[in-house]
């Protein structure tokens, strides 16, 4: 890193950047799906207690990991189908 010029330090492969962007978008899709499920399924939904509680993200009964994985996978499928349709 010390020998590399500053202009080539942050250059990456465009395909790699596309995969990183896909992962970020899928992560946000999973989080938004968890929030929407909690908003519509609960009588009262508080973002701080329900979303950021560690016990809610463990695998098991009544957790956020199932809806998160579902939202992540559905978002990835939407991105994949959209790219396939563009070709």
PDB file of N, CA and C in Angstrom:
ATOM      1  N   UNK A   1       0.817  -1.187   0.000  1.00  0.00           N
ATOM      2  CA  UNK A   1       0.000   0.000   0.000  1.00  0.00           C
ATOM      3  C   UNK A   1       0.860   1.251   0.000  1.00  0.00           C
ATOM      4  N   UNK A   2       2.003   1.198   0.675  1.00  0.00           N
ATOM      5  CA  UNK A   2       2.858   2.364   0.728  1.00  0.00           C
ATOM      6  C   UNK A   2       3.490   2.672  -0.606  1.00  0.00           C
ATOM      7  N   UNK A   3       3.690   1.662  -1.446  1.00  0.00           N
ATOM      8  CA  UNK A   3       4.310   1.861  -2.746  1.00  0.00           C
ATOM      9  C   UNK A   3       3.317   2.231  -3.836  1.00  0.00           C
ATOM     10  N   UNK A   4       2.020   2.029  -3.562  1.00  0.00           N
ATOM     11  CA  UNK A   4       1.006   2.280  -4.579  1.00  0.00           C
ATOM     12  C   UNK A   4       0.652   3.769  -4.627  1.00  0.00           C
ATOM     13  N   UNK A   5       0.484   4.320  -5.834  1.00  0.00           N
ATOM     14  CA  UNK A   5       0.022   5.708  -5.931  1.00  0.00           C
ATOM     15  C   UNK A   5      -1.411   5.832  -5.424  1.00  0.00           C
ATOM     16  N   UNK A   6      -1.801   7.014  -5.026  1.00  0.00           N
ATOM     17  CA  UNK A   6      -3.135   7.230  -4.451  1.00  0.00           C
ATOM     18  C   UNK A   6      -4.253   6.994  -5.456  1.00  0.00           C
ATOM     19  N   UNK A   7      -4.020   7.228  -6.726  1.00  0.00           N
ATOM     20  CA  UNK A   7      -5.102   7.076  -7.693  1.00  0.00           C
ATOM     21  C   UNK A   7      -5.426   5.613  -7.992  1.00  0.00           C
ATOM     22  N   UNK A   8      -4.524   4.671  -7.735  1.00  0.00           N
ATOM     23  CA  UNK A   8      -4.813   3.259  -7.987  1.00  0.00           C
ATOM     24  C   UNK A   8      -5.155   2.499  -6.718  1.00  0.00           C
ATOM     25  N   UNK A   9      -5.152   3.180  -5.582  1.00  0.00           N
ATOM     26  CA  UNK A   9      -5.393   2.498  -4.311  1.00  0.00           C
ATOM     27  C   UNK A   9      -6.822   1.988  -4.202  1.00  0.00           C
ATOM     28  N   UNK A  10      -7.800   2.746  -4.678  1.00  0.00           N
ATOM     29  CA  UNK A  10      -9.199   2.380  -4.499  1.00  0.00           C
ATOM     30  C   UNK A  10      -9.847   1.849  -5.762  1.00  0.00           C
ATOM     31  N   UNK A  11      -9.086   1.592  -6.806  1.00  0.00           N
ATOM     32  CA  UNK A  11      -9.668   1.043  -8.026  1.00  0.00           C
ATOM     33  C   UNK A  11      -9.957  -0.442  -7.821  1.00  0.00           C
ATOM     34  N   UNK A  12     -11.163  -0.834  -8.174  1.00  0.00           N
ATOM     35  CA  UNK A  12     -11.564  -2.236  -8.072  1.00  0.00           C
ATOM     36  C   UNK A  12     -12.199  -2.660  -9.384  1.00  0.00           C
ATOM     37  N   UNK A  13     -12.412  -3.939  -9.489  1.00  0.00           N
ATOM     38  CA  UNK A  13     -13.052  -4.512 -10.647  1.00  0.00           C
ATOM     39  C   UNK A  13     -14.529  -4.093 -10.659  1.00  0.00           C
ATOM     40  N   UNK A  14     -15.074  -3.643 -11.797  1.00  0.00           N
ATOM     41  CA  UNK A  14     -16.485  -3.250 -11.838  1.00  0.00           C
ATOM     42  C   UNK A  14     -17.439  -4.392 -11.470  1.00  0.00           C
ATOM     43  N   UNK A  15     -17.064  -5.617 -11.802  1.00  0.00           N
ATOM     44  CA  UNK A  15     -17.906  -6.758 -11.444  1.00  0.00           C
ATOM     45  C   UNK A  15     -17.948  -6.939  -9.926  1.00  0.00           C
ATOM     46  N   UNK A  16     -16.805  -6.731  -9.270  1.00  0.00           N
ATOM     47  CA  UNK A  16     -16.742  -6.812  -7.807  1.00  0.00           C
ATOM     48  C   UNK A  16     -17.601  -5.723  -7.169  1.00  0.00           C
ATOM     49  N   UNK A  17     -17.532  -4.519  -7.717  1.00  0.00           N
ATOM     50  CA  UNK A  17     -18.351  -3.423  -7.184  1.00  0.00           C
ATOM     51  C   UNK A  17     -19.831  -3.717  -7.347  1.00  0.00           C
ATOM     52  N   UNK A  18     -20.201  -4.365  -8.452  1.00  0.00           N
ATOM     53  CA  UNK A  18     -21.604  -4.708  -8.672  1.00  0.00           C
ATOM     54  C   UNK A  18     -22.079  -5.719  -7.628  1.00  0.00           C
ATOM     55  N   UNK A  19     -21.245  -6.686  -7.290  1.00  0.00           N
ATOM     56  CA  UNK A  19     -21.618  -7.675  -6.277  1.00  0.00           C
ATOM     57  C   UNK A  19     -21.726  -7.045  -4.898  1.00  0.00           C
ATOM     58  N   UNK A  20     -20.830  -6.133  -4.583  1.00  0.00           N
ATOM     59  CA  UNK A  20     -20.899  -5.443  -3.294  1.00  0.00           C
ATOM     60  C   UNK A  20     -22.165  -4.599  -3.223  1.00  0.00           C
ATOM     61  N   UNK A  21     -22.486  -3.898  -4.288  1.00  0.00           N
ATOM     62  CA  UNK A  21     -23.709  -3.093  -4.321  1.00  0.00           C
ATOM     63  C   UNK A  21     -24.944  -3.975  -4.204  1.00  0.00           C
ATOM     64  N   UNK A  22     -24.935  -5.127  -4.857  1.00  0.00           N
ATOM     65  CA  UNK A  22     -26.050  -6.073  -4.735  1.00  0.00           C
ATOM     66  C   UNK A  22     -26.217  -6.544  -3.296  1.00  0.00           C
ATOM     67  N   UNK A  23     -25.125  -6.846  -2.626  1.00  0.00           N
ATOM     68  CA  UNK A  23     -25.198  -7.300  -1.241  1.00  0.00           C
ATOM     69  C   UNK A  23     -25.751  -6.203  -0.333  1.00  0.00           C
ATOM     70  N   UNK A  24     -25.343  -4.954  -0.565  1.00  0.00           N
ATOM     71  CA  UNK A  24     -25.858  -3.845   0.246  1.00  0.00           C
ATOM     72  C   UNK A  24     -27.344  -3.645   0.005  1.00  0.00           C
ATOM     73  N   UNK A  25     -27.772  -3.699  -1.244  1.00  0.00           N
ATOM     74  CA  UNK A  25     -29.193  -3.522  -1.567  1.00  0.00           C
ATOM     75  C   UNK A  25     -30.015  -4.670  -0.991  1.00  0.00           C
ATOM     76  N   UNK A  26     -29.510  -5.893  -1.071  1.00  0.00           N
ATOM     77  CA  UNK A  26     -30.229  -7.036  -0.497  1.00  0.00           C
ATOM     78  C   UNK A  26     -30.312  -6.926   1.025  1.00  0.00           C
ATOM     79  N   UNK A  27     -29.249  -6.450   1.655  1.00  0.00           N
ATOM     80  CA  UNK A  27     -29.265  -6.242   3.104  1.00  0.00           C
ATOM     81  C   UNK A  27     -30.333  -5.216   3.482  1.00  0.00           C
ATOM     82  N   UNK A  28     -30.393  -4.115   2.742  1.00  0.00           N
ATOM     83  CA  UNK A  28     -31.416  -3.104   3.016  1.00  0.00           C
ATOM     84  C   UNK A  28     -32.819  -3.641   2.742  1.00  0.00           C
ATOM     85  N   UNK A  29     -32.963  -4.469   1.709  1.00  0.00           N
ATOM     86  CA  UNK A  29     -34.257  -5.092   1.440  1.00  0.00           C
ATOM     87  C   UNK A  29     -34.696  -6.002   2.573  1.00  0.00           C
ATOM     88  N   UNK A  30     -33.738  -6.746   3.155  1.00  0.00           N
ATOM     89  CA  UNK A  30     -34.061  -7.606   4.290  1.00  0.00           C
ATOM     90  C   UNK A  30     -34.454  -6.798   5.511  1.00  0.00           C
ATOM     91  N   UNK A  31     -33.729  -5.722   5.799  1.00  0.00           N
ATOM     92  CA  UNK A  31     -34.052  -4.872   6.950  1.00  0.00           C
ATOM     93  C   UNK A  31     -35.421  -4.218   6.767  1.00  0.00           C
ATOM     94  N   UNK A  32     -35.702  -3.703   5.567  1.00  0.00           N
ATOM     95  CA  UNK A  32     -37.004  -3.082   5.324  1.00  0.00           C
ATOM     96  C   UNK A  32     -38.140  -4.092   5.421  1.00  0.00           C
ATOM     97  N   UNK A  33     -37.891  -5.329   5.012  1.00  0.00           N
ATOM     98  CA  UNK A  33     -38.932  -6.348   5.143  1.00  0.00           C
ATOM     99  C   UNK A  33     -39.193  -6.668   6.612  1.00  0.00           C
ATOM    100  N   UNK A  34     -38.155  -6.726   7.425  1.00  0.00           N
ATOM    101  CA  UNK A  34     -38.333  -6.962   8.870  1.00  0.00           C
ATOM    102  C   UNK A  34     -39.134  -5.829   9.487  1.00  0.00           C
ATOM    103  N   UNK A  35     -38.806  -4.599   9.132  1.00  0.00           N
ATOM    104  CA  UNK A  35     -39.531  -3.450   9.685  1.00  0.00           C
ATOM    105  C   UNK A  35     -40.987  -3.488   9.253  1.00  0.00           C
ATOM    106  N   UNK A  36     -41.254  -3.795   7.988  1.00  0.00           N
ATOM    107  CA  UNK A  36     -42.642  -3.822   7.522  1.00  0.00           C
ATOM    108  C   UNK A  36     -43.436  -4.955   8.164  1.00  0.00           C
ATOM    109  N   UNK A  37     -42.814  -6.115   8.348  1.00  0.00           N
ATOM    110  CA  UNK A  37     -43.513  -7.219   9.018  1.00  0.00           C
ATOM    111  C   UNK A  37     -43.838  -6.846  10.451  1.00  0.00           C
ATOM    112  N   UNK A  38     -42.887  -6.253  11.155  1.00  0.00           N
ATOM    113  CA  UNK A  38     -43.131  -5.857  12.541  1.00  0.00           C
ATOM    114  C   UNK A  38     -44.159  -4.747  12.645  1.00  0.00           C
ATOM    115  N   UNK A  39     -44.182  -3.837  11.690  1.00  0.00           N
ATOM    116  CA  UNK A  39     -45.159  -2.748  11.741  1.00  0.00           C
ATOM    117  C   UNK A  39     -46.575  -3.255  11.541  1.00  0.00           C
ATOM    118  N   UNK A  40     -46.766  -4.198  10.642  1.00  0.00           N
ATOM    119  CA  UNK A  40     -48.105  -4.653  10.331  1.00  0.00           C
ATOM    120  C   UNK A  40     -48.574  -5.814  11.204  1.00  0.00           C
ATOM    121  N   UNK A  41     -47.662  -6.510  11.854  1.00  0.00           N
ATOM    122  CA  UNK A  41     -48.052  -7.665  12.657  1.00  0.00           C
ATOM    123  C   UNK A  41     -48.203  -7.338  14.135  1.00  0.00           C
ATOM    124  N   UNK A  42     -47.608  -6.277  14.598  1.00  0.00           N
ATOM    125  CA  UNK A  42     -47.615  -5.964  16.028  1.00  0.00           C
ATOM    126  C   UNK A  42     -48.619  -4.855  16.323  1.00  0.00           C
ATOM    127  N   UNK A  43     -49.118  -4.856  17.551  1.00  0.00           N
ATOM    128  CA  UNK A  43     -50.005  -3.775  17.974  1.00  0.00           C
ATOM    129  C   UNK A  43     -49.216  -2.477  18.120  1.00  0.00           C
ATOM    130  N   UNK A  44     -48.080  -2.574  18.756  1.00  0.00           N
ATOM    131  CA  UNK A  44     -47.200  -1.405  18.874  1.00  0.00           C
ATOM    132  C   UNK A  44     -45.818  -1.825  18.417  1.00  0.00           C
ATOM    133  N   UNK A  45     -45.216  -1.002  17.599  1.00  0.00           N
ATOM    134  CA  UNK A  45     -43.875  -1.297  17.098  1.00  0.00           C
ATOM    135  C   UNK A  45     -42.969  -0.134  17.442  1.00  0.00           C
ATOM    136  N   UNK A  46     -41.913  -0.449  18.167  1.00  0.00           N
ATOM    137  CA  UNK A  46     -40.907   0.560  18.485  1.00  0.00           C
ATOM    138  C   UNK A  46     -39.605   0.128  17.837  1.00  0.00           C
ATOM    139  N   UNK A  47     -39.025   1.023  17.078  1.00  0.00           N
ATOM    140  CA  UNK A  47     -37.830   0.688  16.305  1.00  0.00           C
ATOM    141  C   UNK A  47     -36.667   0.304  17.200  1.00  0.00           C
ATOM    142  N   UNK A  48     -36.522   0.957  18.335  1.00  0.00           N
ATOM    143  CA  UNK A  48     -35.372   0.676  19.177  1.00  0.00           C
ATOM    144  C   UNK A  48     -35.486  -0.657  19.897  1.00  0.00           C
ATOM    145  N   UNK A  49     -36.630  -0.985  20.442  1.00  0.00           N
ATOM    146  CA  UNK A  49     -36.769  -2.232  21.195  1.00  0.00           C
ATOM    147  C   UNK A  49     -36.931  -3.456  20.303  1.00  0.00           C
ATOM    148  N   UNK A  50     -37.722  -3.336  19.272  1.00  0.00           N
ATOM    149  CA  UNK A  50     -38.045  -4.505  18.458  1.00  0.00           C
ATOM    150  C   UNK A  50     -36.983  -4.830  17.411  1.00  0.00           C
ATOM    151  N   UNK A  51     -36.325  -3.829  16.873  1.00  0.00           N
ATOM    152  CA  UNK A  51     -35.393  -4.083  15.787  1.00  0.00           C
ATOM    153  C   UNK A  51     -33.969  -4.309  16.272  1.00  0.00           C
ATOM    154  N   UNK A  52     -33.533  -3.565  17.267  1.00  0.00           N
ATOM    155  CA  UNK A  52     -32.137  -3.622  17.679  1.00  0.00           C
ATOM    156  C   UNK A  52     -31.887  -4.507  18.898  1.00  0.00           C
ATOM    157  N   UNK A  53     -32.871  -5.277  19.311  1.00  0.00           N
ATOM    158  CA  UNK A  53     -32.703  -6.176  20.439  1.00  0.00           C
ATOM    159  C   UNK A  53     -32.004  -7.457  19.973  1.00  0.00           C
ATOM    160  N   UNK A  54     -30.968  -7.850  20.695  1.00  0.00           N
ATOM    161  CA  UNK A  54     -30.197  -9.035  20.304  1.00  0.00           C
ATOM    162  C   UNK A  54     -31.047 -10.305  20.344  1.00  0.00           C
ATOM    163  N   UNK A  55     -31.932 -10.415  21.315  1.00  0.00           N
ATOM    164  CA  UNK A  55     -32.748 -11.625  21.444  1.00  0.00           C
ATOM    165  C   UNK A  55     -33.684 -11.827  20.255  1.00  0.00           C
ATOM    166  N   UNK A  56     -34.037 -10.755  19.578  1.00  0.00           N
ATOM    167  CA  UNK A  56     -34.934 -10.874  18.436  1.00  0.00           C
ATOM    168  C   UNK A  56     -34.230 -11.412  17.188  1.00  0.00           C
ATOM    169  N   UNK A  57     -32.900 -11.427  17.174  1.00  0.00           N
ATOM    170  CA  UNK A  57     -32.165 -11.863  15.991  1.00  0.00           C
ATOM    171  C   UNK A  57     -31.597 -13.272  16.139  1.00  0.00           C
ATOM    172  N   UNK A  58     -31.805 -13.914  17.275  1.00  0.00           N
ATOM    173  CA  UNK A  58     -31.335 -15.293  17.424  1.00  0.00           C
ATOM    174  C   UNK A  58     -32.265 -16.232  16.665  1.00  0.00           C
ATOM    175  N   UNK A  59     -31.722 -17.362  16.239  1.00  0.00           N
ATOM    176  CA  UNK A  59     -32.553 -18.351  15.560  1.00  0.00           C
ATOM    177  C   UNK A  59     -33.430 -19.036  16.593  1.00  0.00           C
ATOM    178  N   UNK A  60     -34.671 -19.145  16.285  1.00  0.00           N
ATOM    179  CA  UNK A  60     -35.600 -19.783  17.204  1.00  0.00           C
ATOM    180  C   UNK A  60     -36.986 -19.180  17.073  1.00  0.00           C
ATOM    181  N   UNK A  61     -37.750 -19.280  18.122  1.00  0.00           N
ATOM    182  CA  UNK A  61     -39.130 -18.814  18.128  1.00  0.00           C
ATOM    183  C   UNK A  61     -39.188 -17.293  18.232  1.00  0.00           C
ATOM    184  N   UNK A  62     -40.064 -16.680  17.442  1.00  0.00           N
ATOM    185  CA  UNK A  62     -40.298 -15.227  17.448  1.00  0.00           C
ATOM    186  C   UNK A  62     -39.000 -14.447  17.269  1.00  0.00           C
ATOM    187  N   UNK A  63     -38.550 -14.397  16.044  1.00  0.00           N
ATOM    188  CA  UNK A  63     -37.298 -13.700  15.782  1.00  0.00           C
ATOM    189  C   UNK A  63     -37.383 -12.908  14.487  1.00  0.00           C
ATOM    190  N   UNK A  64     -36.375 -12.105  14.246  1.00  0.00           N
ATOM    191  CA  UNK A  64     -36.316 -11.288  13.035  1.00  0.00           C
ATOM    192  C   UNK A  64     -35.477 -11.921  11.936  1.00  0.00           C
ATOM    193  N   UNK A  65     -34.763 -12.979  12.246  1.00  0.00           N
ATOM    194  CA  UNK A  65     -33.858 -13.535  11.245  1.00  0.00           C
ATOM    195  C   UNK A  65     -34.607 -14.210  10.091  1.00  0.00           C
ATOM    196  N   UNK A  66     -35.736 -14.807  10.354  1.00  0.00           N
ATOM    197  CA  UNK A  66     -36.519 -15.436   9.282  1.00  0.00           C
ATOM    198  C   UNK A  66     -37.026 -14.429   8.263  1.00  0.00           C
ATOM    199  N   UNK A  67     -37.731 -13.370   8.705  1.00  0.00           N
ATOM    200  CA  UNK A  67     -38.148 -12.353   7.730  1.00  0.00           C
ATOM    201  C   UNK A  67     -36.976 -11.649   7.047  1.00  0.00           C
ATOM    202  N   UNK A  68     -35.847 -11.482   7.759  1.00  0.00           N
ATOM    203  CA  UNK A  68     -34.687 -10.855   7.135  1.00  0.00           C
ATOM    204  C   UNK A  68     -34.154 -11.718   5.995  1.00  0.00           C
ATOM    205  N   UNK A  69     -34.015 -13.017   6.234  1.00  0.00           N
ATOM    206  CA  UNK A  69     -33.521 -13.907   5.176  1.00  0.00           C
ATOM    207  C   UNK A  69     -34.492 -13.952   4.004  1.00  0.00           C
ATOM    208  N   UNK A  70     -35.780 -13.960   4.300  1.00  0.00           N
ATOM    209  CA  UNK A  70     -36.784 -13.959   3.241  1.00  0.00           C
ATOM    210  C   UNK A  70     -36.676 -12.686   2.406  1.00  0.00           C
ATOM    211  N   UNK A  71     -36.594 -11.526   3.065  1.00  0.00           N
ATOM    212  CA  UNK A  71     -36.462 -10.263   2.346  1.00  0.00           C
ATOM    213  C   UNK A  71     -35.168 -10.171   1.558  1.00  0.00           C
ATOM    214  N   UNK A  72     -34.067 -10.701   2.116  1.00  0.00           N
ATOM    215  CA  UNK A  72     -32.775 -10.708   1.432  1.00  0.00           C
ATOM    216  C   UNK A  72     -32.851 -11.545   0.160  1.00  0.00           C
ATOM    217  N   UNK A  73     -33.411 -12.737   0.272  1.00  0.00           N
ATOM    218  CA  UNK A  73     -33.494 -13.644  -0.879  1.00  0.00           C
ATOM    219  C   UNK A  73     -34.431 -13.092  -1.948  1.00  0.00           C
ATOM    220  N   UNK A  74     -35.581 -12.563  -1.543  1.00  0.00           N
ATOM    221  CA  UNK A  74     -36.524 -12.005  -2.513  1.00  0.00           C
ATOM    222  C   UNK A  74     -35.903 -10.811  -3.235  1.00  0.00           C
ATOM    223  N   UNK A  75     -35.187  -9.962  -2.499  1.00  0.00           N
ATOM    224  CA  UNK A  75     -34.518  -8.823  -3.132  1.00  0.00           C
ATOM    225  C   UNK A  75     -33.465  -9.302  -4.122  1.00  0.00           C
ATOM    226  N   UNK A  76     -32.707 -10.332  -3.769  1.00  0.00           N
ATOM    227  CA  UNK A  76     -31.700 -10.868  -4.686  1.00  0.00           C
ATOM    228  C   UNK A  76     -32.352 -11.452  -5.934  1.00  0.00           C
ATOM    229  N   UNK A  77     -33.475 -12.141  -5.771  1.00  0.00           N
ATOM    230  CA  UNK A  77     -34.177 -12.712  -6.926  1.00  0.00           C
ATOM    231  C   UNK A  77     -34.676 -11.603  -7.842  1.00  0.00           C
ATOM    232  N   UNK A  78     -35.191 -10.515  -7.255  1.00  0.00           N
ATOM    233  CA  UNK A  78     -35.666  -9.390  -8.067  1.00  0.00           C
ATOM    234  C   UNK A  78     -34.519  -8.779  -8.865  1.00  0.00           C
ATOM    235  N   UNK A  79     -33.369  -8.599  -8.226  1.00  0.00           N
ATOM    236  CA  UNK A  79     -32.204  -8.049  -8.925  1.00  0.00           C
ATOM    237  C   UNK A  79     -31.758  -8.993 -10.044  1.00  0.00           C
ATOM    238  N   UNK A  80     -31.727 -10.303  -9.765  1.00  0.00           N
ATOM    239  CA  UNK A  80     -31.302 -11.281 -10.758  1.00  0.00           C
ATOM    240  C   UNK A  80     -32.251 -11.309 -11.954  1.00  0.00           C
ATOM    241  N   UNK A  81     -33.559 -11.301 -11.698  1.00  0.00           N
ATOM    242  CA  UNK A  81     -34.542 -11.344 -12.783  1.00  0.00           C
ATOM    243  C   UNK A  81     -34.481 -10.058 -13.603  1.00  0.00           C
ATOM    244  N   UNK A  82     -34.291  -8.936 -12.936  1.00  0.00           N
ATOM    245  CA  UNK A  82     -34.195  -7.664 -13.661  1.00  0.00           C
ATOM    246  C   UNK A  82     -32.990  -7.640 -14.587  1.00  0.00           C
ATOM    247  N   UNK A  83     -31.854  -8.146 -14.113  1.00  0.00           N
ATOM    248  CA  UNK A  83     -30.665  -8.205 -14.978  1.00  0.00           C
ATOM    249  C   UNK A  83     -30.846  -9.189 -16.119  1.00  0.00           C
ATOM    250  N   UNK A  84     -31.467 -10.320 -15.844  1.00  0.00           N
ATOM    251  CA  UNK A  84     -31.705 -11.305 -16.910  1.00  0.00           C
ATOM    252  C   UNK A  84     -32.679 -10.763 -17.946  1.00  0.00           C
ATOM    253  N   UNK A  85     -33.655  -9.990 -17.508  1.00  0.00           N
ATOM    254  CA  UNK A  85     -34.632  -9.413 -18.446  1.00  0.00           C
ATOM    255  C   UNK A  85     -33.986  -8.332 -19.307  1.00  0.00           C
ATOM    256  N   UNK A  86     -33.014  -7.598 -18.724  1.00  0.00           N
ATOM    257  CA  UNK A  86     -32.331  -6.560 -19.498  1.00  0.00           C
ATOM    258  C   UNK A  86     -31.523  -7.140 -20.643  1.00  0.00           C
ATOM    259  N   UNK A  87     -30.939  -8.333 -20.426  1.00  0.00           N
ATOM    260  CA  UNK A  87     -30.132  -8.964 -21.472  1.00  0.00           C
ATOM    261  C   UNK A  87     -31.035  -9.455 -22.558  1.00  0.00           C
TER     262      UNK A  87
END
